[in-house]
Amino acid sequence: MKSFNGRVAAITGAASGMGRALALALAREGCHLALADKNSQGLEQTLALIKTSTLAPVTITTHVLDVSDRQAMQDWAARCVADHGQVNLIFNNAGVALSSTVEGVDYADLEWIVGINFWGVVHGTKAFLPHLKASGDGHVINTSSVFGLFAQPGMSGYNATKFAVRGFTEALRQELDLQRCGVSATCVHPGGIRTDICRSSRIDANMTGFLIHSEQQARADFEKLFITDADQAAKVILQGVRNNKRRVLIGRDAYFLDLLARCLPAAYQALVVFASKRMAPKQRTPVFETNDEPRL
């Protein structure tokens, strides 16, 4: 797919971040849009931005839904075809983050992140794939993460979902190549992108004193790692679709961590443990014992 003009793209997580940036970039190229998110206010803001910054005559529909709801995703896919006549691209972009230890993570939180990050991608792919095939020229774009290539402590739920998206999408791409059906697939691995994911993430109390000083400080520190803006990320993703890439890395941090995992597929874990110890909160050691005698 070398041009998006006249095509129809469905985007989840379109209320902010990369989803909004993708919508704006595609609209400028004359692509019709079906936008979805749980955040109705954010969707309206995205719609308003497109209308004020795009001259191309494009049709835009919005839908408030939860990507973890299978039936809602199937209904939305059918609605997109009814409203637009066809669908050529599905961007399964919606995602959330969760910080917790494996031992301390609550099952409800695991179900929450798996429902959105993994099942949301599965629901979107399966709901739209028949329609993409019917269009004769389609593409599935699934958002994983650099942490679908490289694991880190305190993010087991997030790592698990993003590794799962990677495996799911790579298998899908191979099947589509074998079928020669006019549909392809790309897995996107962003590094730190300036989006709202940090503010909407869940940080378990068990992380305080283990890997972080406080939740507030952790969110501030995470924000500093977001070195690529969403508009640049959208540009890289769309170029990847044009080039029919299997994998798209976004940001120099993503390239670095991908290289590290390739060169040291097992040993990188020891490096992460070493770095985590240096950055973790330090336990204060008393200078004197309770009997007030110097400690040797």
Protein backbone atom coordinates (compact mmCIF):
# COMPACT_ATOMS: atom_id res chain seq x y z
CA MET A 1 0.00 0.00 0.00
CA LYS A 2 1.94 2.98 -1.29
CA SER A 3 -0.84 5.54 -0.92
CA PHE A 4 -3.49 6.14 1.74
CA ASN A 5 -5.56 8.51 -0.38
CA GLY A 6 -9.13 7.24 -0.65
CA ARG A 7 -8.47 4.33 1.72
CA VAL A 8 -10.35 3.73 4.98
CA ALA A 9 -8.43 3.28 8.25
CA ALA A 10 -9.82 2.15 11.61
CA ILE A 11 -7.79 3.25 14.65
CA THR A 12 -8.19 2.24 18.30
CA GLY A 13 -6.81 4.46 21.05
CA ALA A 14 -7.54 7.46 18.81
CA ALA A 15 -8.35 9.88 21.64
CA SER A 16 -4.70 10.78 22.28
CA GLY A 17 -1.05 9.95 21.66
CA MET A 18 -0.04 7.86 18.67
CA GLY A 19 -3.65 7.09 17.80
CA ARG A 20 -4.46 10.77 17.44
CA ALA A 21 -1.22 11.45 15.55
CA LEU A 22 -1.97 8.59 13.13
CA ALA A 23 -5.47 9.97 12.54
CA LEU A 24 -4.14 13.44 11.77
CA ALA A 25 -1.41 12.15 9.46
CA LEU A 26 -3.76 9.87 7.54
CA ALA A 27 -6.43 12.56 7.18
CA ARG A 28 -3.85 14.89 5.62
CA GLU A 29 -3.24 12.19 3.00
CA GLY A 30 -6.92 11.90 2.16
CA CYS A 31 -7.63 8.74 4.15
CA HIS A 32 -11.13 8.25 5.56
CA LEU A 33 -11.22 7.39 9.25
CA ALA A 34 -13.11 5.28 11.75
CA LEU A 35 -11.86 6.28 15.20
CA ALA A 36 -12.46 4.46 18.48
CA ASP A 37 -11.56 4.94 22.13
CA LYS A 38 -13.08 4.66 25.62
CA ASN A 39 -12.47 8.39 26.12
CA SER A 40 -15.36 10.16 24.39
CA GLN A 41 -14.04 13.63 25.22
CA GLY A 42 -10.64 12.80 23.76
CA LEU A 43 -12.26 11.45 20.61
CA GLU A 44 -14.14 14.71 20.15
CA GLN A 45 -10.89 16.63 20.56
CA THR A 46 -9.21 14.46 17.93
CA LEU A 47 -12.11 15.04 15.57
CA ALA A 48 -11.95 18.80 16.12
CA LEU A 49 -8.19 18.85 15.47
CA ILE A 50 -8.62 16.97 12.21
CA LYS A 51 -11.36 19.33 11.03
CA THR A 52 -9.26 22.41 11.75
CA SER A 53 -5.97 21.11 10.30
CA THR A 54 -7.04 19.05 7.29
CA LEU A 55 -8.15 20.40 3.94
CA ALA A 56 -8.75 17.02 2.31
CA PRO A 57 -12.45 16.02 2.10
CA VAL A 58 -12.44 12.91 4.29
CA THR A 59 -15.24 11.07 6.06
CA ILE A 60 -14.70 10.52 9.78
CA THR A 61 -16.76 8.44 12.17
CA THR A 62 -16.17 7.99 15.91
CA HIS A 63 -17.16 5.19 18.24
CA VAL A 64 -16.80 4.88 22.02
CA LEU A 65 -15.83 1.33 22.97
CA ASP A 66 -13.64 -0.91 25.10
CA VAL A 67 -11.27 -2.97 22.94
CA SER A 68 -11.34 -5.78 25.50
CA ASP A 69 -15.04 -6.31 24.66
CA ARG A 70 -15.08 -8.84 21.81
CA GLN A 71 -18.66 -8.26 20.73
CA ALA A 72 -18.21 -4.49 20.78
CA MET A 73 -15.20 -4.80 18.47
CA GLN A 74 -17.06 -7.09 16.08
CA ASP A 75 -20.02 -4.71 16.00
CA TRP A 76 -17.69 -1.74 15.39
CA ALA A 77 -15.98 -3.50 12.47
CA ALA A 78 -19.35 -4.19 10.84
CA ARG A 79 -20.41 -0.59 11.51
CA CYS A 80 -17.22 0.73 9.86
CA VAL A 81 -18.00 -1.17 6.66
CA ALA A 82 -21.62 0.00 6.75
CA ASP A 83 -20.54 3.64 7.20
CA HIS A 84 -17.55 3.70 4.85
CA GLY A 85 -18.24 0.92 2.35
CA GLN A 86 -14.95 -0.83 3.10
CA VAL A 87 -11.98 -0.89 5.48
CA ASN A 88 -8.35 -1.11 4.31
CA LEU A 89 -6.34 -0.63 7.50
CA ILE A 90 -6.79 -1.50 11.15
CA PHE A 91 -4.42 0.11 13.66
CA ASN A 92 -4.73 -1.87 16.91
CA ASN A 93 -3.07 0.89 18.90
CA ALA A 94 -4.93 1.09 22.24
CA GLY A 95 -2.75 0.17 25.21
CA VAL A 96 -2.15 0.61 28.94
CA ALA A 97 0.73 0.01 31.36
CA LEU A 98 1.05 -1.73 34.72
CA SER A 99 3.97 -1.70 37.19
CA SER A 100 4.06 -4.43 39.83
CA THR A 101 6.11 -7.36 41.04
CA VAL A 102 5.06 -10.83 39.87
CA GLU A 103 4.50 -11.92 43.46
CA GLY A 104 2.43 -8.91 44.40
CA VAL A 105 0.41 -8.22 41.25
CA ASP A 106 -3.33 -8.52 41.65
CA TYR A 107 -5.11 -10.91 39.27
CA ALA A 108 -7.66 -8.22 38.46
CA ASP A 109 -4.88 -5.90 37.27
CA LEU A 110 -3.39 -8.68 35.13
CA GLU A 111 -6.77 -9.36 33.58
CA TRP A 112 -7.18 -5.63 32.91
CA ILE A 113 -3.89 -5.23 31.05
CA VAL A 114 -4.19 -8.52 29.14
CA GLY A 115 -7.74 -7.60 28.14
CA ILE A 116 -6.64 -4.32 26.57
CA ASN A 117 -3.09 -4.88 25.38
CA PHE A 118 -3.42 -8.43 24.05
CA TRP A 119 -7.08 -9.31 23.65
CA GLY A 120 -7.75 -5.87 22.23
CA VAL A 121 -5.26 -6.61 19.45
CA VAL A 122 -6.73 -10.08 18.87
CA HIS A 123 -10.29 -8.73 18.79
CA GLY A 124 -9.36 -5.97 16.36
CA THR A 125 -7.41 -8.28 14.08
CA LYS A 126 -10.06 -10.99 13.90
CA ALA A 127 -12.99 -8.57 13.61
CA PHE A 128 -11.45 -6.60 10.74
CA LEU A 129 -9.47 -9.26 8.86
CA PRO A 130 -12.40 -10.53 6.75
CA HIS A 131 -13.23 -6.95 5.76
CA LEU A 132 -9.59 -6.20 4.88
CA LYS A 133 -9.52 -9.29 2.65
CA ALA A 134 -12.78 -8.21 1.03
CA SER A 135 -11.22 -4.82 0.20
CA GLY A 136 -8.46 -6.57 -1.79
CA ASP A 137 -5.81 -4.23 -0.37
CA GLY A 138 -5.49 -4.28 3.40
CA HIS A 139 -3.01 -3.99 6.25
CA VAL A 140 -3.07 -4.91 9.96
CA ILE A 141 -0.86 -2.72 12.17
CA ASN A 142 -0.48 -3.99 15.74
CA THR A 143 1.30 -1.97 18.41
CA SER A 144 3.67 -3.96 20.61
CA SER A 145 6.53 -2.15 22.37
CA VAL A 146 10.27 -2.19 22.73
CA PHE A 147 9.33 -4.21 25.82
CA GLY A 148 7.99 -6.84 23.48
CA LEU A 149 11.66 -7.38 22.56
CA PHE A 150 13.34 -6.66 25.88
CA ALA A 151 12.04 -7.43 29.39
CA GLN A 152 12.42 -5.44 32.58
CA PRO A 153 11.63 -6.08 36.25
CA GLY A 154 8.44 -4.66 37.67
CA MET A 155 6.69 -4.79 34.28
CA SER A 156 5.88 -8.48 33.90
CA GLY A 157 2.25 -7.89 32.91
CA TYR A 158 3.18 -5.26 30.35
CA ASN A 159 6.08 -7.37 29.04
CA ALA A 160 3.86 -10.43 28.73
CA THR A 161 1.20 -8.63 26.69
CA LYS A 162 3.68 -6.94 24.38
CA PHE A 163 5.68 -10.14 23.77
CA ALA A 164 2.32 -11.80 23.01
CA VAL A 165 1.39 -9.11 20.47
CA ARG A 166 4.74 -9.61 18.78
CA GLY A 167 4.31 -13.39 18.48
CA PHE A 168 0.68 -13.08 17.38
CA THR A 169 1.48 -10.52 14.69
CA GLU A 170 4.56 -12.28 13.35
CA ALA A 171 2.55 -15.51 12.97
CA LEU A 172 -0.26 -13.55 11.30
CA ARG A 173 2.16 -11.97 8.81
CA GLN A 174 3.52 -15.39 7.83
CA GLU A 175 0.01 -16.75 7.30
CA LEU A 176 -0.95 -13.76 5.15
CA ASP A 177 2.23 -14.16 3.07
CA LEU A 178 1.29 -17.79 2.43
CA GLN A 179 -2.29 -16.92 1.53
CA ARG A 180 -1.37 -14.12 -0.91
CA CYS A 181 -4.72 -12.51 -0.17
CA GLY A 182 -3.79 -8.85 -0.65
CA VAL A 183 -3.50 -8.22 3.11
CA SER A 184 -0.29 -7.76 5.10
CA ALA A 185 0.67 -7.14 8.73
CA THR A 186 3.22 -5.04 10.62
CA CYS A 187 4.25 -5.16 14.27
CA VAL A 188 5.23 -1.80 15.77
CA HIS A 189 7.76 -1.55 18.61
CA PRO A 190 7.87 2.00 20.00
CA GLY A 191 10.44 3.13 22.53
CA GLY A 192 9.56 6.04 24.81
CA ILE A 193 6.82 8.01 23.03
CA ARG A 194 5.34 11.17 24.51
CA THR A 195 1.75 9.99 25.07
CA ASP A 196 -0.73 9.78 27.96
CA ILE A 197 0.16 6.17 28.80
CA CYS A 198 2.22 7.16 31.83
CA ARG A 199 -0.60 9.16 33.39
CA SER A 200 -3.12 6.37 32.76
CA SER A 201 -0.84 3.54 33.93
CA ARG A 202 -1.32 1.61 37.16
CA ILE A 203 1.57 1.46 39.65
CA ASP A 204 1.19 -1.05 42.48
CA ALA A 205 2.20 -0.07 46.00
CA ASN A 206 4.62 -3.01 46.09
CA MET A 207 6.93 -1.12 43.73
CA THR A 208 7.59 1.63 46.29
CA GLY A 209 10.83 0.95 48.11
CA PHE A 210 11.68 -1.86 45.70
CA LEU A 211 12.29 -0.22 42.32
CA ILE A 212 10.83 3.27 42.84
CA HIS A 213 10.96 5.94 45.56
CA SER A 214 7.32 6.97 45.16
CA GLU A 215 4.54 6.75 42.58
CA GLN A 216 4.74 10.47 41.86
CA GLN A 217 8.50 10.34 41.35
CA ALA A 218 8.19 7.22 39.19
CA ARG A 219 5.72 8.88 36.85
CA ALA A 220 8.00 11.92 36.56
CA ASP A 221 11.00 9.68 35.84
CA PHE A 222 9.10 7.68 33.23
CA GLU A 223 8.08 10.88 31.47
CA LYS A 224 11.77 11.78 31.07
CA LEU A 225 12.30 8.57 29.09
CA PHE A 226 9.72 9.58 26.48
CA ILE A 227 12.09 11.04 23.90
CA THR A 228 10.07 10.70 20.67
CA ASP A 229 6.94 12.73 19.95
CA ALA A 230 3.77 11.05 18.70
CA ASP A 231 3.78 12.87 15.34
CA GLN A 232 7.22 11.49 14.51
CA ALA A 233 6.09 8.03 15.62
CA ALA A 234 3.08 8.19 13.30
CA LYS A 235 5.31 9.22 10.41
CA VAL A 236 7.61 6.23 10.98
CA ILE A 237 4.68 3.82 11.27
CA LEU A 238 3.06 4.97 8.03
CA GLN A 239 6.37 4.73 6.19
CA GLY A 240 6.71 1.22 7.53
CA VAL A 241 3.29 0.34 6.10
CA ARG A 242 4.25 1.80 2.72
CA ASN A 243 7.39 -0.34 2.73
CA ASN A 244 5.43 -3.38 3.92
CA LYS A 245 7.82 -3.88 6.83
CA ARG A 246 7.33 -6.79 9.18
CA ARG A 247 8.72 -4.89 12.15
CA VAL A 248 8.89 -1.15 12.82
CA LEU A 249 11.13 0.26 15.56
CA ILE A 250 10.48 3.81 16.76
CA GLY A 251 13.11 5.92 18.53
CA ARG A 252 16.81 5.54 19.10
CA ASP A 253 16.07 3.89 22.46
CA ALA A 254 14.13 1.15 20.66
CA TYR A 255 17.03 0.54 18.27
CA PHE A 256 19.50 0.40 21.16
CA LEU A 257 17.49 -2.04 23.27
CA ASP A 258 16.69 -4.20 20.25
CA LEU A 259 20.41 -4.41 19.45
CA LEU A 260 21.25 -5.21 23.06
CA ALA A 261 18.71 -8.05 23.14
CA ARG A 262 20.02 -9.41 19.83
CA CYS A 263 23.68 -9.32 20.90
CA LEU A 264 23.08 -10.49 24.48
CA PRO A 265 19.81 -12.45 24.35
CA ALA A 266 20.24 -13.86 27.86
CA ALA A 267 23.08 -11.82 29.36
CA TYR A 268 21.19 -8.50 28.95
CA GLN A 269 19.07 -9.54 31.93
CA ALA A 270 22.10 -9.36 34.25
CA LEU A 271 22.81 -5.86 32.94
CA VAL A 272 19.23 -4.82 33.68
CA VAL A 273 19.50 -6.21 37.22
CA PHE A 274 22.76 -4.30 37.76
CA ALA A 275 21.26 -1.04 36.47
CA SER A 276 18.08 -1.55 38.50
CA LYS A 277 20.09 -2.00 41.70
CA ARG A 278 21.93 1.26 41.08
CA MET A 279 18.70 3.17 40.48
CA ALA A 280 16.56 1.49 43.15
CA PRO A 281 15.86 3.25 46.45
CA LYS A 282 18.72 2.75 48.89
CA GLN A 283 17.96 1.34 52.30
CA ARG A 284 19.45 3.62 54.91
CA THR A 285 21.92 1.79 57.17
CA PRO A 286 22.16 3.19 60.69
CA VAL A 287 25.59 4.51 61.60
CA PHE A 288 25.28 3.37 65.24
CA GLU A 289 23.79 0.33 66.88
CA THR A 290 21.20 0.72 69.57
CA ASN A 291 23.93 0.69 72.29
CA ASP A 292 25.42 3.80 70.63
CA GLU A 293 28.79 2.15 70.10
CA PRO A 294 30.46 2.72 66.71
CA ARG A 295 29.78 0.05 64.15
CA LEU A 296 32.95 -1.43 62.62
